[in-house]
Amino acid sequence: MITLSSGETIVYSGRDDDVHQHGVAIMLNKDAARAMINCKPVDERIIKARFHSRFVKLTLLRVYVPTNDAEEEVKDEFFEKLQTMVEETPRHDMLVISGDVNAKVGSDVEGCERVMGRHGVESSNEN
């Protein structure tokens, strides 16, 4: 955890070696940092933080999903860890999963017009 001179706090999870690949972080203003109950760096692709909020507690999972080109073992391990984090989340918490999901959004938006724009590139990935 790092607190900047401007008051924002950064919680992060990444590699421990000198290879600068992967990693996830959450940047919090002063109020959000005070509301944080706990933070669990899972690995270089997942960090979990829990917050007090007005009506319910909120659990945030920040993720960096492997691409479709990654080895099956890497993808399986990621999704197993993500599933474990979801299952460990208290049942009454609001759960938010956000981050870099490595999605490719194509130009064929038929059936998805409400959530996708018309300016995608080539084709969507299968996941």
Protein backbone atom coordinates (compact mmCIF):
# COMPACT_ATOMS: atom_id res chain seq x y z
CA MET A 1 0.00 0.00 0.00
CA ILE A 2 1.28 3.44 -0.95
CA THR A 3 -0.13 6.78 0.18
CA LEU A 4 0.66 9.63 -2.20
CA SER A 5 1.46 13.16 -1.07
CA SER A 6 -1.87 14.24 -2.61
CA GLY A 7 -3.70 11.94 -0.19
CA GLU A 8 -4.71 9.11 -2.52
CA THR A 9 -3.87 5.55 -1.54
CA ILE A 10 -2.83 2.82 -3.96
CA VAL A 11 -3.22 -0.83 -3.01
CA TYR A 12 -1.66 -3.24 -5.43
CA SER A 13 -0.78 -6.83 -6.10
CA GLY A 14 1.98 -7.82 -8.49
CA ARG A 15 5.07 -9.84 -9.08
CA ASP A 16 7.89 -9.93 -6.53
CA ASP A 17 10.65 -10.31 -9.12
CA ASP A 18 12.09 -7.78 -11.56
CA VAL A 19 9.81 -8.89 -14.40
CA HIS A 20 7.43 -6.00 -14.99
CA GLN A 21 4.44 -7.95 -16.31
CA HIS A 22 0.92 -8.23 -14.96
CA GLY A 23 -0.22 -6.57 -11.76
CA VAL A 24 -3.44 -4.99 -10.54
CA ALA A 25 -4.11 -1.93 -8.38
CA ILE A 26 -6.89 0.09 -6.82
CA MET A 27 -6.51 3.84 -6.32
CA LEU A 28 -8.55 5.25 -3.45
CA ASN A 29 -9.34 8.79 -2.39
CA LYS A 30 -9.18 9.60 1.33
CA ASP A 31 -12.82 8.66 2.00
CA ALA A 32 -12.55 5.34 0.18
CA ALA A 33 -9.29 4.53 1.97
CA ARG A 34 -10.98 5.17 5.33
CA ALA A 35 -13.92 2.96 4.29
CA MET A 36 -11.66 0.04 3.36
CA ILE A 37 -12.11 -2.84 5.80
CA ASN A 38 -9.36 -5.04 4.40
CA CYS A 39 -7.38 -5.78 1.29
CA LYS A 40 -6.08 -9.14 0.07
CA PRO A 41 -3.46 -9.23 -2.70
CA VAL A 42 -4.19 -12.65 -4.23
CA ASP A 43 -1.54 -12.75 -6.97
CA GLU A 44 -0.36 -10.66 -9.91
CA ARG A 45 -3.78 -10.95 -11.56
CA ILE A 46 -6.28 -10.51 -8.69
CA ILE A 47 -6.63 -8.17 -5.72
CA LYS A 48 -9.62 -8.21 -3.37
CA ALA A 49 -10.71 -5.27 -1.21
CA ARG A 50 -13.72 -4.91 1.08
CA PHE A 51 -15.35 -1.59 2.00
CA HIS A 52 -17.96 -0.14 4.32
CA SER A 53 -20.70 1.66 2.41
CA ARG A 54 -23.96 3.30 3.34
CA PHE A 55 -26.29 0.28 3.07
CA VAL A 56 -24.14 -2.82 2.52
CA LYS A 57 -20.53 -3.81 2.53
CA LEU A 58 -18.89 -3.85 -0.89
CA THR A 59 -16.32 -6.36 -2.10
CA LEU A 60 -14.24 -5.30 -5.09
CA LEU A 61 -12.22 -7.76 -7.16
CA ARG A 62 -9.77 -6.08 -9.55
CA VAL A 63 -8.61 -8.52 -12.19
CA TYR A 64 -6.20 -8.82 -15.09
CA VAL A 65 -7.57 -11.74 -17.12
CA PRO A 66 -5.20 -13.84 -19.25
CA THR A 67 -5.74 -13.48 -22.99
CA ASN A 68 -7.20 -16.29 -25.08
CA ASP A 69 -3.66 -16.90 -26.36
CA ALA A 70 -2.43 -17.81 -22.86
CA GLU A 71 -1.78 -21.43 -21.97
CA GLU A 72 -4.86 -23.34 -20.82
CA GLU A 73 -3.22 -24.02 -17.46
CA VAL A 74 -2.74 -20.27 -16.84
CA LYS A 75 -6.36 -19.50 -17.76
CA ASP A 76 -7.71 -22.40 -15.66
CA GLU A 77 -5.65 -21.33 -12.64
CA PHE A 78 -6.86 -17.73 -12.96
CA PHE A 79 -10.54 -18.67 -13.18
CA GLU A 80 -10.24 -21.15 -10.29
CA LYS A 81 -8.75 -18.40 -8.09
CA LEU A 82 -11.41 -15.94 -9.21
CA GLN A 83 -14.14 -18.47 -8.40
CA THR A 84 -12.62 -19.01 -4.96
CA MET A 85 -12.59 -15.26 -4.30
CA VAL A 86 -16.24 -15.00 -5.38
CA GLU A 87 -17.22 -17.92 -3.13
CA GLU A 88 -15.34 -16.39 -0.17
CA THR A 89 -17.25 -13.12 -0.53
CA PRO A 90 -19.86 -12.72 2.20
CA ARG A 91 -23.28 -13.48 0.78
CA HIS A 92 -24.81 -10.10 1.60
CA ASP A 93 -21.95 -8.01 0.19
CA MET A 94 -22.33 -6.17 -3.08
CA LEU A 95 -19.75 -7.81 -5.35
CA VAL A 96 -18.05 -5.83 -8.12
CA ILE A 97 -15.58 -7.46 -10.50
CA SER A 98 -13.68 -5.00 -12.66
CA GLY A 99 -10.41 -4.66 -14.48
CA ASP A 100 -8.71 -5.60 -17.71
CA VAL A 101 -10.66 -8.54 -19.10
CA ASN A 102 -8.69 -8.56 -22.37
CA ALA A 103 -11.88 -8.54 -24.40
CA LYS A 104 -11.95 -7.78 -28.10
CA VAL A 105 -15.17 -6.08 -29.12
CA GLY A 106 -15.99 -6.54 -32.77
CA SER A 107 -18.07 -4.43 -35.12
CA ASP A 108 -20.97 -6.94 -35.20
CA VAL A 109 -23.13 -5.66 -32.35
CA GLU A 110 -26.37 -7.40 -33.30
CA GLY A 111 -28.29 -8.19 -30.13
CA CYS A 112 -25.90 -6.11 -27.98
CA GLU A 113 -26.74 -2.60 -29.19
CA ARG A 114 -27.59 -1.37 -25.68
CA VAL A 115 -24.12 -2.15 -24.31
CA MET A 116 -21.76 -1.95 -27.30
CA GLY A 117 -20.86 0.80 -29.71
CA ARG A 118 -20.48 0.44 -33.48
CA HIS A 119 -16.76 1.12 -33.58
CA GLY A 120 -15.20 -2.21 -32.61
CA VAL A 121 -12.25 -3.76 -34.43
CA GLU A 122 -12.60 -6.73 -36.74
CA SER A 123 -14.12 -9.58 -34.71
CA SER A 124 -14.99 -10.34 -31.09
CA ASN A 125 -13.15 -13.02 -29.16
CA GLU A 126 -15.09 -16.15 -28.27
CA ASN A 127 -15.18 -15.54 -24.50
